[in-house]
Amino acid sequence: MPAPAGANAGSVCNRTNAQLIFAANNAKGANIFIGLEHKNTSRSLRFLRDLRQIIIGERILPMSTIILFNKPYGVLCQFTDKQGRPTLADHIDVDKVYAAGRLDMDSEGLVVLTDDGRLQRKITHPDNKMEKTYWVQLENRISDDALRALSEGIDLKDGRTKPARARRIDEPAALWPRQPPIRQRKHIPTSWIALTITEGRNRQVRRMTAGAGFPTLRLIRYRVGSWTIDGIASGDYVMFHTQP
């Protein structure tokens, strides 16, 4: 496969051992992806992972690393802990990536990590209003009035929440067992909702459902923006590279 114009193919990888596959769209702002068919070329693979660059003509386009991690219950959303509690480092062996937003230790689901500071700010800055959807298991069967209140806004100590989207759902089919199991009171049923918010206050979802009269028993972040945990087992992650 010919090297891109202006690039020295030998400086990227040995073409007898590996093949670089480029897919580029000339439209303004389009993403450019790298794929590598690896054939025992660890040097070339390290080069691509470390630099994450693609040379087209005389332009060098930096590549951002994005990790979608399905965080288990009981894992801190950080890489170190002086108390020796489980952290991201027990599951993710990638250097120089950081969580874009946090997820409480007693919550589960999607954590987005990246080495791109601009992407981190895009995800976490309240002005960007990036949607996040949660699967929430509640104590008792939620009422129509409570769903309406969650959607219109709940008065919390730090102010009224912004409008959200709340709807009943069945227990998610792809749900995994939680360890430890939830503490469920005997003879009191539970129900599930999908709650989509654009804010990121401390323990906001739990406070919202409690304010509506239905305490949260289990909380799973299903979606951040267009990314979801579909196909990612609890404790696993997927990683990809893309142009910022």
C-alpha atoms as a PDB file:
ATOM      1  CA  MET A   1       0.000   0.000   0.000  1.00  0.00           C
ATOM      2  CA  PRO A   2       1.599   3.342  -0.983  1.00  0.00           C
ATOM      3  CA  ALA A   3       2.525   5.702   1.821  1.00  0.00           C
ATOM      4  CA  PRO A   4       0.574   8.947   2.165  1.00  0.00           C
ATOM      5  CA  ALA A   5       2.117  11.863   0.303  1.00  0.00           C
ATOM      6  CA  GLY A   6       4.923  13.441   2.290  1.00  0.00           C
ATOM      7  CA  ALA A   7       5.209  10.518   4.700  1.00  0.00           C
ATOM      8  CA  ASN A   8       8.094   8.110   5.132  1.00  0.00           C
ATOM      9  CA  ALA A   9       6.409   4.730   5.420  1.00  0.00           C
ATOM     10  CA  GLY A  10       9.547   3.160   6.854  1.00  0.00           C
ATOM     11  CA  SER A  11       9.440   5.561   9.815  1.00  0.00           C
ATOM     12  CA  VAL A  12       5.928   4.432  10.693  1.00  0.00           C
ATOM     13  CA  CYS A  13       6.073   0.683  10.224  1.00  0.00           C
ATOM     14  CA  ASN A  14       7.604  -2.066   8.162  1.00  0.00           C
ATOM     15  CA  ARG A  15       5.055  -2.768   5.419  1.00  0.00           C
ATOM     16  CA  THR A  16       6.087  -6.431   5.300  1.00  0.00           C
ATOM     17  CA  ASN A  17       4.945  -6.803   8.901  1.00  0.00           C
ATOM     18  CA  ALA A  18       2.056  -4.407   9.292  1.00  0.00           C
ATOM     19  CA  GLN A  19      -0.426  -2.583   7.152  1.00  0.00           C
ATOM     20  CA  LEU A  20      -1.729   0.866   7.935  1.00  0.00           C
ATOM     21  CA  ILE A  21      -5.286   1.488   6.885  1.00  0.00           C
ATOM     22  CA  PHE A  22      -6.318   5.096   6.478  1.00  0.00           C
ATOM     23  CA  ALA A  23      -9.921   6.254   6.205  1.00  0.00           C
ATOM     24  CA  ALA A  24     -10.259   9.997   5.794  1.00  0.00           C
ATOM     25  CA  ASN A  25     -13.083  12.298   4.856  1.00  0.00           C
ATOM     26  CA  ASN A  26     -12.139  15.624   3.338  1.00  0.00           C
ATOM     27  CA  ALA A  27     -15.239  17.337   4.735  1.00  0.00           C
ATOM     28  CA  LYS A  28     -14.432  20.079   7.211  1.00  0.00           C
ATOM     29  CA  GLY A  29     -14.311  18.797  10.784  1.00  0.00           C
ATOM     30  CA  ALA A  30     -14.558  15.115   9.839  1.00  0.00           C
ATOM     31  CA  ASN A  31     -12.836  12.559  12.020  1.00  0.00           C
ATOM     32  CA  ILE A  32      -9.834  10.599  10.746  1.00  0.00           C
ATOM     33  CA  PHE A  33      -9.255   7.143  12.131  1.00  0.00           C
ATOM     34  CA  ILE A  34      -6.274   4.772  12.165  1.00  0.00           C
ATOM     35  CA  GLY A  35      -6.511   1.022  11.953  1.00  0.00           C
ATOM     36  CA  LEU A  36      -3.579  -1.379  12.201  1.00  0.00           C
ATOM     37  CA  GLU A  37      -3.412  -4.938  10.974  1.00  0.00           C
ATOM     38  CA  HIS A  38      -0.792  -6.149  13.404  1.00  0.00           C
ATOM     39  CA  LYS A  39       1.565  -8.947  12.446  1.00  0.00           C
ATOM     40  CA  ASN A  40       4.134  -9.291  15.239  1.00  0.00           C
ATOM     41  CA  THR A  41       5.337  -5.715  14.870  1.00  0.00           C
ATOM     42  CA  SER A  42       5.392  -4.543  18.462  1.00  0.00           C
ATOM     43  CA  ARG A  43       7.682  -1.619  17.627  1.00  0.00           C
ATOM     44  CA  SER A  44       5.242  -0.257  15.084  1.00  0.00           C
ATOM     45  CA  LEU A  45       2.287  -0.838  17.378  1.00  0.00           C
ATOM     46  CA  ARG A  46       3.980   1.010  20.252  1.00  0.00           C
ATOM     47  CA  PHE A  47       4.831   3.849  17.902  1.00  0.00           C
ATOM     48  CA  LEU A  48       1.193   4.268  16.894  1.00  0.00           C
ATOM     49  CA  ARG A  49      -0.179   3.979  20.414  1.00  0.00           C
ATOM     50  CA  ASP A  50       2.343   6.368  21.915  1.00  0.00           C
ATOM     51  CA  LEU A  51       2.244   9.073  19.272  1.00  0.00           C
ATOM     52  CA  ARG A  52      -1.274   8.524  17.901  1.00  0.00           C
ATOM     53  CA  GLN A  53      -0.417  10.588  14.842  1.00  0.00           C
ATOM     54  CA  ILE A  54      -1.213  10.263  11.183  1.00  0.00           C
ATOM     55  CA  ILE A  55       0.807  12.135   8.591  1.00  0.00           C
ATOM     56  CA  ILE A  56      -1.091  13.319   5.544  1.00  0.00           C
ATOM     57  CA  GLY A  57       0.896  15.540   3.206  1.00  0.00           C
ATOM     58  CA  GLU A  58       2.779  17.898   5.499  1.00  0.00           C
ATOM     59  CA  ARG A  59       0.066  18.059   8.176  1.00  0.00           C
ATOM     60  CA  ILE A  60       0.424  16.160  11.440  1.00  0.00           C
ATOM     61  CA  LEU A  61      -2.969  15.412  12.975  1.00  0.00           C
ATOM     62  CA  PRO A  62      -2.862  14.434  16.680  1.00  0.00           C
ATOM     63  CA  MET A  63      -5.082  11.556  17.722  1.00  0.00           C
ATOM     64  CA  SER A  64      -7.044  11.509  20.975  1.00  0.00           C
ATOM     65  CA  THR A  65      -7.442   8.364  23.049  1.00  0.00           C
ATOM     66  CA  ILE A  66     -10.957   7.632  24.291  1.00  0.00           C
ATOM     67  CA  ILE A  67     -11.798   4.834  26.725  1.00  0.00           C
ATOM     68  CA  LEU A  68     -15.333   3.737  27.571  1.00  0.00           C
ATOM     69  CA  PHE A  69     -15.227   1.889  30.898  1.00  0.00           C
ATOM     70  CA  ASN A  70     -18.134   0.103  32.552  1.00  0.00           C
ATOM     71  CA  LYS A  71     -17.279   0.821  36.179  1.00  0.00           C
ATOM     72  CA  PRO A  72     -18.326  -1.800  38.731  1.00  0.00           C
ATOM     73  CA  TYR A  73     -19.856  -0.982  42.099  1.00  0.00           C
ATOM     74  CA  GLY A  74     -17.250  -0.200  44.758  1.00  0.00           C
ATOM     75  CA  VAL A  75     -14.544   1.156  42.415  1.00  0.00           C
ATOM     76  CA  LEU A  76     -13.236   4.683  42.962  1.00  0.00           C
ATOM     77  CA  CYS A  77     -13.233   6.919  39.901  1.00  0.00           C
ATOM     78  CA  GLN A  78      -9.492   7.641  40.254  1.00  0.00           C
ATOM     79  CA  PHE A  79      -6.229   5.780  39.701  1.00  0.00           C
ATOM     80  CA  THR A  80      -4.760   5.895  43.218  1.00  0.00           C
ATOM     81  CA  ASP A  81      -6.098   5.639  46.751  1.00  0.00           C
ATOM     82  CA  LYS A  82      -4.115   5.911  49.973  1.00  0.00           C
ATOM     83  CA  GLN A  83      -6.621   3.668  51.732  1.00  0.00           C
ATOM     84  CA  GLY A  84      -6.054   0.820  49.286  1.00  0.00           C
ATOM     85  CA  ARG A  85      -9.609   0.739  47.947  1.00  0.00           C
ATOM     86  CA  PRO A  86     -10.310  -0.514  44.383  1.00  0.00           C
ATOM     87  CA  THR A  87      -9.527   2.103  41.733  1.00  0.00           C
ATOM     88  CA  LEU A  88      -9.500   2.521  37.962  1.00  0.00           C
ATOM     89  CA  ALA A  89      -5.923   1.195  37.953  1.00  0.00           C
ATOM     90  CA  ASP A  90      -7.264  -2.259  38.869  1.00  0.00           C
ATOM     91  CA  HIS A  91      -9.064  -2.377  35.522  1.00  0.00           C
ATOM     92  CA  ILE A  92      -7.334   0.031  33.096  1.00  0.00           C
ATOM     93  CA  ASP A  93      -3.650  -0.306  32.198  1.00  0.00           C
ATOM     94  CA  VAL A  94      -3.408   2.730  29.911  1.00  0.00           C
ATOM     95  CA  ASP A  95      -1.113   5.656  30.750  1.00  0.00           C
ATOM     96  CA  LYS A  96      -1.987   9.352  30.704  1.00  0.00           C
ATOM     97  CA  VAL A  97      -5.766   9.071  30.497  1.00  0.00           C
ATOM     98  CA  TYR A  98      -8.085  10.717  32.984  1.00  0.00           C
ATOM     99  CA  ALA A  99     -11.768  10.448  33.788  1.00  0.00           C
ATOM    100  CA  ALA A 100     -13.962  13.090  32.144  1.00  0.00           C
ATOM    101  CA  GLY A 101     -16.388  13.521  35.002  1.00  0.00           C
ATOM    102  CA  ARG A 102     -16.775  11.340  38.047  1.00  0.00           C
ATOM    103  CA  LEU A 103     -19.039   8.507  39.098  1.00  0.00           C
ATOM    104  CA  ASP A 104     -19.605   7.772  42.774  1.00  0.00           C
ATOM    105  CA  MET A 105     -18.044   4.692  44.325  1.00  0.00           C
ATOM    106  CA  ASP A 106     -21.503   3.217  44.959  1.00  0.00           C
ATOM    107  CA  SER A 107     -22.662   3.865  41.373  1.00  0.00           C
ATOM    108  CA  GLU A 108     -21.963   1.780  38.288  1.00  0.00           C
ATOM    109  CA  GLY A 109     -21.732   2.211  34.562  1.00  0.00           C
ATOM    110  CA  LEU A 110     -20.104   4.409  31.961  1.00  0.00           C
ATOM    111  CA  VAL A 111     -16.973   6.400  32.709  1.00  0.00           C
ATOM    112  CA  VAL A 112     -15.340   8.166  29.764  1.00  0.00           C
ATOM    113  CA  LEU A 113     -11.562   8.574  30.008  1.00  0.00           C
ATOM    114  CA  THR A 114      -9.339  10.496  27.620  1.00  0.00           C
ATOM    115  CA  ASP A 115      -5.948  12.136  27.219  1.00  0.00           C
ATOM    116  CA  ASP A 116      -7.578  15.121  25.489  1.00  0.00           C
ATOM    117  CA  GLY A 117      -8.116  18.078  27.810  1.00  0.00           C
ATOM    118  CA  ARG A 118     -10.480  19.806  25.410  1.00  0.00           C
ATOM    119  CA  LEU A 119     -12.700  16.723  25.266  1.00  0.00           C
ATOM    120  CA  GLN A 120     -12.682  16.511  29.059  1.00  0.00           C
ATOM    121  CA  ARG A 121     -13.933  20.086  29.282  1.00  0.00           C
ATOM    122  CA  LYS A 122     -16.559  19.449  26.601  1.00  0.00           C
ATOM    123  CA  ILE A 123     -17.967  16.557  28.614  1.00  0.00           C
ATOM    124  CA  THR A 124     -17.802  18.146  32.055  1.00  0.00           C
ATOM    125  CA  HIS A 125     -18.439  21.878  31.546  1.00  0.00           C
ATOM    126  CA  PRO A 126     -22.054  22.731  32.434  1.00  0.00           C
ATOM    127  CA  ASP A 127     -22.341  25.222  29.557  1.00  0.00           C
ATOM    128  CA  ASN A 128     -22.098  22.349  27.073  1.00  0.00           C
ATOM    129  CA  LYS A 129     -25.131  20.588  28.583  1.00  0.00           C
ATOM    130  CA  MET A 130     -23.988  17.131  27.488  1.00  0.00           C
ATOM    131  CA  GLU A 131     -26.726  14.600  28.189  1.00  0.00           C
ATOM    132  CA  LYS A 132     -26.196  11.703  30.561  1.00  0.00           C
ATOM    133  CA  THR A 133     -28.719   8.892  30.906  1.00  0.00           C
ATOM    134  CA  TYR A 134     -28.990   6.748  34.024  1.00  0.00           C
ATOM    135  CA  TRP A 135     -30.779   3.496  34.732  1.00  0.00           C
ATOM    136  CA  VAL A 136     -32.186   3.887  38.224  1.00  0.00           C
ATOM    137  CA  GLN A 137     -33.722   1.197  40.413  1.00  0.00           C
ATOM    138  CA  LEU A 138     -36.089   2.775  42.921  1.00  0.00           C
ATOM    139  CA  GLU A 139     -37.728   1.656  46.099  1.00  0.00           C
ATOM    140  CA  ASN A 140     -41.431   1.111  45.423  1.00  0.00           C
ATOM    141  CA  ARG A 141     -43.338   1.668  42.166  1.00  0.00           C
ATOM    142  CA  ILE A 142     -42.809   5.205  40.985  1.00  0.00           C
ATOM    143  CA  SER A 143     -45.920   7.335  40.480  1.00  0.00           C
ATOM    144  CA  ASP A 144     -46.865   9.520  37.533  1.00  0.00           C
ATOM    145  CA  ASP A 145     -46.588  12.579  39.775  1.00  0.00           C
ATOM    146  CA  ALA A 146     -43.019  11.674  40.728  1.00  0.00           C
ATOM    147  CA  LEU A 147     -42.038  11.163  37.079  1.00  0.00           C
ATOM    148  CA  ARG A 148     -43.519  14.563  36.269  1.00  0.00           C
ATOM    149  CA  ALA A 149     -41.612  16.177  39.137  1.00  0.00           C
ATOM    150  CA  LEU A 150     -38.317  14.646  38.022  1.00  0.00           C
ATOM    151  CA  SER A 151     -38.928  15.916  34.496  1.00  0.00           C
ATOM    152  CA  GLU A 152     -39.907  19.440  35.519  1.00  0.00           C
ATOM    153  CA  GLY A 153     -37.304  19.935  38.254  1.00  0.00           C
ATOM    154  CA  ILE A 154     -36.721  19.018  41.909  1.00  0.00           C
ATOM    155  CA  ASP A 155     -35.939  21.606  44.589  1.00  0.00           C
ATOM    156  CA  LEU A 156     -32.622  20.638  46.192  1.00  0.00           C
ATOM    157  CA  LYS A 157     -30.540  22.465  48.803  1.00  0.00           C
ATOM    158  CA  ASP A 158     -28.293  23.825  46.035  1.00  0.00           C
ATOM    159  CA  GLY A 159     -31.196  24.956  43.855  1.00  0.00           C
ATOM    160  CA  ARG A 160     -33.839  23.589  41.548  1.00  0.00           C
ATOM    161  CA  THR A 161     -32.684  21.015  38.999  1.00  0.00           C
ATOM    162  CA  LYS A 162     -33.010  21.770  35.312  1.00  0.00           C
ATOM    163  CA  PRO A 163     -35.678  20.023  33.244  1.00  0.00           C
ATOM    164  CA  ALA A 164     -34.884  16.360  32.646  1.00  0.00           C
ATOM    165  CA  ARG A 165     -36.440  13.366  30.918  1.00  0.00           C
ATOM    166  CA  ALA A 166     -37.788  10.584  33.105  1.00  0.00           C
ATOM    167  CA  ARG A 167     -39.662   7.472  32.009  1.00  0.00           C
ATOM    168  CA  ARG A 168     -40.470   4.033  33.322  1.00  0.00           C
ATOM    169  CA  ILE A 169     -38.485   1.119  31.913  1.00  0.00           C
ATOM    170  CA  ASP A 170     -38.367  -2.614  32.466  1.00  0.00           C
ATOM    171  CA  GLU A 171     -35.329  -3.999  34.249  1.00  0.00           C
ATOM    172  CA  PRO A 172     -32.574  -3.717  31.600  1.00  0.00           C
ATOM    173  CA  ALA A 173     -32.093  -7.010  29.764  1.00  0.00           C
ATOM    174  CA  ALA A 174     -28.298  -6.658  29.781  1.00  0.00           C
ATOM    175  CA  LEU A 175     -28.135  -6.064  33.528  1.00  0.00           C
ATOM    176  CA  TRP A 176     -25.360  -7.832  35.445  1.00  0.00           C
ATOM    177  CA  PRO A 177     -25.531  -8.958  39.103  1.00  0.00           C
ATOM    178  CA  ARG A 178     -24.305  -6.346  41.552  1.00  0.00           C
ATOM    179  CA  GLN A 179     -21.839  -7.298  44.261  1.00  0.00           C
ATOM    180  CA  PRO A 180     -22.951  -6.793  46.946  1.00  0.00           C
ATOM    181  CA  PRO A 181     -26.664  -7.009  46.089  1.00  0.00           C
ATOM    182  CA  ILE A 182     -28.927  -4.056  46.848  1.00  0.00           C
ATOM    183  CA  ARG A 183     -30.552  -3.827  50.269  1.00  0.00           C
ATOM    184  CA  GLN A 184     -34.202  -4.349  49.446  1.00  0.00           C
ATOM    185  CA  ARG A 185     -36.889  -4.206  52.096  1.00  0.00           C
ATOM    186  CA  LYS A 186     -39.086  -7.266  52.236  1.00  0.00           C
ATOM    187  CA  HIS A 187     -42.593  -6.925  50.790  1.00  0.00           C
ATOM    188  CA  ILE A 188     -41.747  -3.547  49.147  1.00  0.00           C
ATOM    189  CA  PRO A 189     -41.515  -3.700  45.330  1.00  0.00           C
ATOM    190  CA  THR A 190     -38.985  -1.851  43.210  1.00  0.00           C
ATOM    191  CA  SER A 191     -39.196  -0.137  39.840  1.00  0.00           C
ATOM    192  CA  TRP A 192     -36.818   1.115  37.152  1.00  0.00           C
ATOM    193  CA  ILE A 193     -36.630   4.439  35.341  1.00  0.00           C
ATOM    194  CA  ALA A 194     -34.367   5.972  32.714  1.00  0.00           C
ATOM    195  CA  LEU A 195     -33.408   9.495  33.770  1.00  0.00           C
ATOM    196  CA  THR A 196     -31.610  11.866  31.384  1.00  0.00           C
ATOM    197  CA  ILE A 197     -30.026  15.026  32.795  1.00  0.00           C
ATOM    198  CA  THR A 198     -27.655  17.716  31.532  1.00  0.00           C
ATOM    199  CA  GLU A 199     -26.219  18.756  34.895  1.00  0.00           C
ATOM    200  CA  GLY A 200     -23.518  17.145  37.003  1.00  0.00           C
ATOM    201  CA  ARG A 201     -24.123  18.069  40.614  1.00  0.00           C
ATOM    202  CA  ASN A 202     -22.808  15.931  43.451  1.00  0.00           C
ATOM    203  CA  ARG A 203     -24.988  12.803  43.838  1.00  0.00           C
ATOM    204  CA  GLN A 204     -27.672  14.590  41.847  1.00  0.00           C
ATOM    205  CA  VAL A 205     -29.704  11.600  40.664  1.00  0.00           C
ATOM    206  CA  ARG A 206     -29.929  10.105  44.138  1.00  0.00           C
ATOM    207  CA  ARG A 207     -30.996  13.437  45.605  1.00  0.00           C
ATOM    208  CA  MET A 208     -33.554  13.974  42.834  1.00  0.00           C
ATOM    209  CA  THR A 209     -35.291  10.633  43.319  1.00  0.00           C
ATOM    210  CA  ALA A 210     -35.239  11.012  47.115  1.00  0.00           C
ATOM    211  CA  GLY A 211     -36.769  14.477  46.698  1.00  0.00           C
ATOM    212  CA  ALA A 212     -39.521  12.932  44.581  1.00  0.00           C
ATOM    213  CA  GLY A 213     -40.205  10.403  47.336  1.00  0.00           C
ATOM    214  CA  PHE A 214     -38.527   7.329  45.800  1.00  0.00           C
ATOM    215  CA  PRO A 215     -35.035   6.498  47.143  1.00  0.00           C
ATOM    216  CA  THR A 216     -32.465   5.112  44.709  1.00  0.00           C
ATOM    217  CA  LEU A 217     -31.424   1.505  45.348  1.00  0.00           C
ATOM    218  CA  ARG A 218     -29.140   1.036  42.361  1.00  0.00           C
ATOM    219  CA  LEU A 219     -27.692   3.607  39.948  1.00  0.00           C
ATOM    220  CA  ILE A 220     -26.084   2.813  36.581  1.00  0.00           C
ATOM    221  CA  ARG A 221     -24.890   5.446  34.118  1.00  0.00           C
ATOM    222  CA  TYR A 222     -25.881   4.109  30.724  1.00  0.00           C
ATOM    223  CA  ARG A 223     -24.977   6.959  28.364  1.00  0.00           C
ATOM    224  CA  VAL A 224     -22.755  10.035  28.084  1.00  0.00           C
ATOM    225  CA  GLY A 225     -23.452  12.023  24.926  1.00  0.00           C
ATOM    226  CA  SER A 226     -23.512   9.453  22.123  1.00  0.00           C
ATOM    227  CA  TRP A 227     -21.455   6.842  24.014  1.00  0.00           C
ATOM    228  CA  THR A 228     -23.108   3.965  25.897  1.00  0.00           C
ATOM    229  CA  ILE A 229     -22.144   0.792  27.761  1.00  0.00           C
ATOM    230  CA  ASP A 230     -23.799  -1.412  25.137  1.00  0.00           C
ATOM    231  CA  GLY A 231     -21.650  -4.515  24.657  1.00  0.00           C
ATOM    232  CA  ILE A 232     -19.221  -3.629  27.487  1.00  0.00           C
ATOM    233  CA  ALA A 233     -19.282  -6.027  30.437  1.00  0.00           C
ATOM    234  CA  SER A 234     -18.993  -4.669  33.966  1.00  0.00           C
ATOM    235  CA  GLY A 235     -15.278  -4.127  34.696  1.00  0.00           C
ATOM    236  CA  ASP A 236     -14.309  -4.070  31.007  1.00  0.00           C
ATOM    237  CA  TYR A 237     -13.516  -1.200  28.654  1.00  0.00           C
ATOM    238  CA  VAL A 238     -13.106  -0.429  24.963  1.00  0.00           C
ATOM    239  CA  MET A 239     -10.491   1.970  23.627  1.00  0.00           C
ATOM    240  CA  PHE A 240     -10.262   3.834  20.329  1.00  0.00           C
ATOM    241  CA  HIS A 241      -8.429   6.764  18.786  1.00  0.00           C
ATOM    242  CA  THR A 242      -9.945   9.653  16.894  1.00  0.00           C
ATOM    243  CA  GLN A 243      -9.043  13.118  15.688  1.00  0.00           C
ATOM    244  CA  PRO A 244     -10.181  15.817  18.170  1.00  0.00           C
END
